[in-house]
Amino acid sequence: MADTKTYDASQLKVIVGVTAVTGFEEGDFLVVARDEQNFTKQVGATGEVSRSKTNNKSGTITIRTKQTSPVNAELSAVMLLDEIANGGIVPIIVMDLSGNDVHNAAECWLQKTPDGSYGRDAAGREWIFDAASVDMFFGGNN
């Protein structure tokens, strides 16, 4: 019996604060990553191995939107609010509704304003959020 699983990019939901992100760039439009390994390994002179838990759950969430996406204005407002009043810390949640992946970060802030490039074709915008702590769960697809 076949056990075919399906991933559907249109079913990936990204919420920044209260804003549902839309208008994603082609290719890898979302990257969720931790800054460090969960454990580091130490090997002694005679080969004994020990590991140390890092306890660092900080990370980054990179969102790539199309230049034409209306969400760019909302993310720009988050950046401006942070620059003006230190009020740009927002939660981010990522859910794959065609599967079981869930990533959550309660306190995120933009590293910097995206670079702006312009040409004959519409370009993309890369929004990189730092996260104080990222909870990540990869559950596969249905």
C-alpha atoms as a PDB file:
ATOM      1  CA  MET A   1       0.000   0.000   0.000  1.00  0.00           C
ATOM      2  CA  ALA A   2       1.371   3.421  -0.973  1.00  0.00           C
ATOM      3  CA  ASP A   3       1.993   5.948   1.759  1.00  0.00           C
ATOM      4  CA  THR A   4       2.356   9.168  -0.213  1.00  0.00           C
ATOM      5  CA  LYS A   5       2.899  12.376   1.752  1.00  0.00           C
ATOM      6  CA  THR A   6       2.266  15.865   0.404  1.00  0.00           C
ATOM      7  CA  TYR A   7       3.901  19.198   1.218  1.00  0.00           C
ATOM      8  CA  ASP A   8       1.977  22.290   0.094  1.00  0.00           C
ATOM      9  CA  ALA A   9       3.827  25.608   0.403  1.00  0.00           C
ATOM     10  CA  SER A  10       0.498  27.456   0.344  1.00  0.00           C
ATOM     11  CA  GLN A  11      -0.352  25.756   3.637  1.00  0.00           C
ATOM     12  CA  LEU A  12       2.668  27.196   5.463  1.00  0.00           C
ATOM     13  CA  LYS A  13       1.386  29.936   7.762  1.00  0.00           C
ATOM     14  CA  VAL A  14       3.750  32.551   9.172  1.00  0.00           C
ATOM     15  CA  ILE A  15       2.422  35.027  11.727  1.00  0.00           C
ATOM     16  CA  VAL A  16       4.591  37.985  12.826  1.00  0.00           C
ATOM     17  CA  GLY A  17       2.895  39.696  15.753  1.00  0.00           C
ATOM     18  CA  VAL A  18      -0.680  39.824  14.452  1.00  0.00           C
ATOM     19  CA  THR A  19       0.292  39.953  10.771  1.00  0.00           C
ATOM     20  CA  ALA A  20      -0.113  36.940   8.507  1.00  0.00           C
ATOM     21  CA  VAL A  21       2.821  37.037   6.103  1.00  0.00           C
ATOM     22  CA  THR A  22       1.922  36.683   2.416  1.00  0.00           C
ATOM     23  CA  GLY A  23       3.655  37.284  -0.889  1.00  0.00           C
ATOM     24  CA  PHE A  24       6.622  34.974  -0.415  1.00  0.00           C
ATOM     25  CA  GLU A  25       9.598  34.953  -2.782  1.00  0.00           C
ATOM     26  CA  GLU A  26      10.289  31.882  -4.928  1.00  0.00           C
ATOM     27  CA  GLY A  27      12.666  29.233  -3.626  1.00  0.00           C
ATOM     28  CA  ASP A  28      13.494  28.994   0.072  1.00  0.00           C
ATOM     29  CA  PHE A  29      11.255  31.745   1.421  1.00  0.00           C
ATOM     30  CA  LEU A  30      11.518  30.825   5.101  1.00  0.00           C
ATOM     31  CA  VAL A  31      14.462  29.641   7.185  1.00  0.00           C
ATOM     32  CA  VAL A  32      14.223  28.921  10.920  1.00  0.00           C
ATOM     33  CA  ALA A  33      17.580  28.218  12.570  1.00  0.00           C
ATOM     34  CA  ARG A  34      19.181  27.998  15.979  1.00  0.00           C
ATOM     35  CA  ASP A  35      22.412  29.917  16.586  1.00  0.00           C
ATOM     36  CA  GLU A  36      24.280  27.051  18.251  1.00  0.00           C
ATOM     37  CA  GLN A  37      24.321  23.294  18.567  1.00  0.00           C
ATOM     38  CA  ASN A  38      22.256  21.827  21.419  1.00  0.00           C
ATOM     39  CA  PHE A  39      25.357  20.060  22.748  1.00  0.00           C
ATOM     40  CA  THR A  40      29.096  20.405  22.260  1.00  0.00           C
ATOM     41  CA  LYS A  41      31.427  17.424  22.326  1.00  0.00           C
ATOM     42  CA  GLN A  42      34.764  17.155  24.116  1.00  0.00           C
ATOM     43  CA  VAL A  43      37.176  14.279  23.509  1.00  0.00           C
ATOM     44  CA  GLY A  44      39.918  13.581  26.041  1.00  0.00           C
ATOM     45  CA  ALA A  45      43.512  12.561  25.305  1.00  0.00           C
ATOM     46  CA  THR A  46      42.656   8.862  25.577  1.00  0.00           C
ATOM     47  CA  GLY A  47      39.403   9.075  23.597  1.00  0.00           C
ATOM     48  CA  GLU A  48      36.788   9.431  26.330  1.00  0.00           C
ATOM     49  CA  VAL A  49      33.905  11.589  25.185  1.00  0.00           C
ATOM     50  CA  SER A  50      31.781  13.985  27.152  1.00  0.00           C
ATOM     51  CA  ARG A  51      29.158  16.441  26.039  1.00  0.00           C
ATOM     52  CA  SER A  52      28.025  19.784  27.386  1.00  0.00           C
ATOM     53  CA  LYS A  53      24.559  21.192  26.962  1.00  0.00           C
ATOM     54  CA  THR A  54      24.710  24.720  25.555  1.00  0.00           C
ATOM     55  CA  ASN A  55      21.270  25.885  26.811  1.00  0.00           C
ATOM     56  CA  ASN A  56      21.256  28.446  24.009  1.00  0.00           C
ATOM     57  CA  LYS A  57      17.921  28.344  22.167  1.00  0.00           C
ATOM     58  CA  SER A  58      18.381  31.706  20.448  1.00  0.00           C
ATOM     59  CA  GLY A  59      18.170  31.793  16.695  1.00  0.00           C
ATOM     60  CA  THR A  60      17.058  33.547  13.555  1.00  0.00           C
ATOM     61  CA  ILE A  61      13.962  33.484  11.409  1.00  0.00           C
ATOM     62  CA  THR A  62      14.503  34.653   7.848  1.00  0.00           C
ATOM     63  CA  ILE A  63      11.475  35.560   5.751  1.00  0.00           C
ATOM     64  CA  ARG A  64      11.873  36.333   2.045  1.00  0.00           C
ATOM     65  CA  THR A  65       9.019  38.273   0.458  1.00  0.00           C
ATOM     66  CA  LYS A  66       8.409  39.565  -3.030  1.00  0.00           C
ATOM     67  CA  GLN A  67       9.029  43.265  -3.559  1.00  0.00           C
ATOM     68  CA  THR A  68       5.328  43.601  -4.373  1.00  0.00           C
ATOM     69  CA  SER A  69       4.091  41.990  -1.159  1.00  0.00           C
ATOM     70  CA  PRO A  70       1.922  44.302   0.969  1.00  0.00           C
ATOM     71  CA  VAL A  71       3.399  42.731   4.107  1.00  0.00           C
ATOM     72  CA  ASN A  72       6.631  44.675   3.475  1.00  0.00           C
ATOM     73  CA  ALA A  73       4.900  47.832   4.717  1.00  0.00           C
ATOM     74  CA  GLU A  74       3.804  46.103   7.916  1.00  0.00           C
ATOM     75  CA  LEU A  75       7.276  44.699   8.582  1.00  0.00           C
ATOM     76  CA  SER A  76       8.749  48.141   7.857  1.00  0.00           C
ATOM     77  CA  ALA A  77       6.390  49.559  10.489  1.00  0.00           C
ATOM     78  CA  VAL A  78       7.680  46.993  13.007  1.00  0.00           C
ATOM     79  CA  MET A  79      11.242  48.103  12.201  1.00  0.00           C
ATOM     80  CA  LEU A  80      10.387  51.806  12.546  1.00  0.00           C
ATOM     81  CA  LEU A  81       8.568  51.257  15.826  1.00  0.00           C
ATOM     82  CA  ASP A  82      11.649  49.509  17.179  1.00  0.00           C
ATOM     83  CA  GLU A  83      14.003  52.255  15.986  1.00  0.00           C
ATOM     84  CA  ILE A  84      11.843  55.041  17.404  1.00  0.00           C
ATOM     85  CA  ALA A  85      10.471  53.563  20.625  1.00  0.00           C
ATOM     86  CA  ASN A  86      12.121  50.173  21.234  1.00  0.00           C
ATOM     87  CA  GLY A  87       8.709  48.660  20.549  1.00  0.00           C
ATOM     88  CA  GLY A  88       9.497  46.221  17.785  1.00  0.00           C
ATOM     89  CA  ILE A  89       9.691  42.972  19.734  1.00  0.00           C
ATOM     90  CA  VAL A  90       7.086  40.619  18.274  1.00  0.00           C
ATOM     91  CA  PRO A  91       6.221  36.917  18.494  1.00  0.00           C
ATOM     92  CA  ILE A  92       6.563  34.718  15.403  1.00  0.00           C
ATOM     93  CA  ILE A  93       4.830  31.410  14.835  1.00  0.00           C
ATOM     94  CA  VAL A  94       5.261  29.115  11.845  1.00  0.00           C
ATOM     95  CA  MET A  95       2.777  26.295  11.183  1.00  0.00           C
ATOM     96  CA  ASP A  96       2.685  23.808   8.328  1.00  0.00           C
ATOM     97  CA  LEU A  97      -1.022  23.065   7.961  1.00  0.00           C
ATOM     98  CA  SER A  98      -0.238  20.302   5.434  1.00  0.00           C
ATOM     99  CA  GLY A  99       1.906  18.634   8.084  1.00  0.00           C
ATOM    100  CA  ASN A 100       2.964  18.835  11.677  1.00  0.00           C
ATOM    101  CA  ASP A 101       5.893  21.278  11.748  1.00  0.00           C
ATOM    102  CA  VAL A 102       5.541  24.094  14.299  1.00  0.00           C
ATOM    103  CA  HIS A 103       8.147  26.721  15.178  1.00  0.00           C
ATOM    104  CA  ASN A 104       7.564  29.398  17.777  1.00  0.00           C
ATOM    105  CA  ALA A 105       9.565  32.355  19.062  1.00  0.00           C
ATOM    106  CA  ALA A 106       7.950  34.659  21.615  1.00  0.00           C
ATOM    107  CA  GLU A 107      10.443  37.547  21.369  1.00  0.00           C
ATOM    108  CA  CYS A 108      11.800  38.514  17.946  1.00  0.00           C
ATOM    109  CA  TRP A 109      13.190  41.712  16.492  1.00  0.00           C
ATOM    110  CA  LEU A 110      14.480  42.698  13.084  1.00  0.00           C
ATOM    111  CA  GLN A 111      18.263  42.735  12.707  1.00  0.00           C
ATOM    112  CA  LYS A 112      18.192  45.486  10.098  1.00  0.00           C
ATOM    113  CA  THR A 113      16.151  46.924   7.280  1.00  0.00           C
ATOM    114  CA  PRO A 114      16.329  44.703   4.180  1.00  0.00           C
ATOM    115  CA  ASP A 115      18.584  45.761   1.341  1.00  0.00           C
ATOM    116  CA  GLY A 116      16.694  47.340  -1.529  1.00  0.00           C
ATOM    117  CA  SER A 117      17.567  46.304  -5.042  1.00  0.00           C
ATOM    118  CA  TYR A 118      15.673  47.354  -8.135  1.00  0.00           C
ATOM    119  CA  GLY A 119      15.881  46.160 -11.702  1.00  0.00           C
ATOM    120  CA  ARG A 120      13.786  45.176 -14.697  1.00  0.00           C
ATOM    121  CA  ASP A 121      12.085  42.423 -12.712  1.00  0.00           C
ATOM    122  CA  ALA A 122      10.601  42.686  -9.238  1.00  0.00           C
ATOM    123  CA  ALA A 123      13.154  41.806  -6.577  1.00  0.00           C
ATOM    124  CA  GLY A 124      12.797  40.228  -3.167  1.00  0.00           C
ATOM    125  CA  ARG A 125      13.115  41.519   0.372  1.00  0.00           C
ATOM    126  CA  GLU A 126      14.894  39.531   3.076  1.00  0.00           C
ATOM    127  CA  TRP A 127      13.640  40.143   6.621  1.00  0.00           C
ATOM    128  CA  ILE A 128      15.940  38.593   9.239  1.00  0.00           C
ATOM    129  CA  PHE A 129      14.589  38.393  12.765  1.00  0.00           C
ATOM    130  CA  ASP A 130      16.719  37.605  15.790  1.00  0.00           C
ATOM    131  CA  ALA A 131      14.905  35.464  18.343  1.00  0.00           C
ATOM    132  CA  ALA A 132      15.682  35.215  22.040  1.00  0.00           C
ATOM    133  CA  SER A 133      14.508  31.591  22.049  1.00  0.00           C
ATOM    134  CA  VAL A 134      13.181  29.419  19.215  1.00  0.00           C
ATOM    135  CA  ASP A 135      11.132  26.279  19.868  1.00  0.00           C
ATOM    136  CA  MET A 136      11.311  23.988  16.841  1.00  0.00           C
ATOM    137  CA  PHE A 137       9.306  20.862  16.049  1.00  0.00           C
ATOM    138  CA  PHE A 138       9.596  18.960  12.771  1.00  0.00           C
ATOM    139  CA  GLY A 139       6.703  16.546  12.457  1.00  0.00           C
ATOM    140  CA  GLY A 140       6.635  15.611   8.783  1.00  0.00           C
ATOM    141  CA  ASN A 141       3.744  15.893   6.360  1.00  0.00           C
ATOM    142  CA  ASN A 142       0.378  14.175   6.012  1.00  0.00           C
END
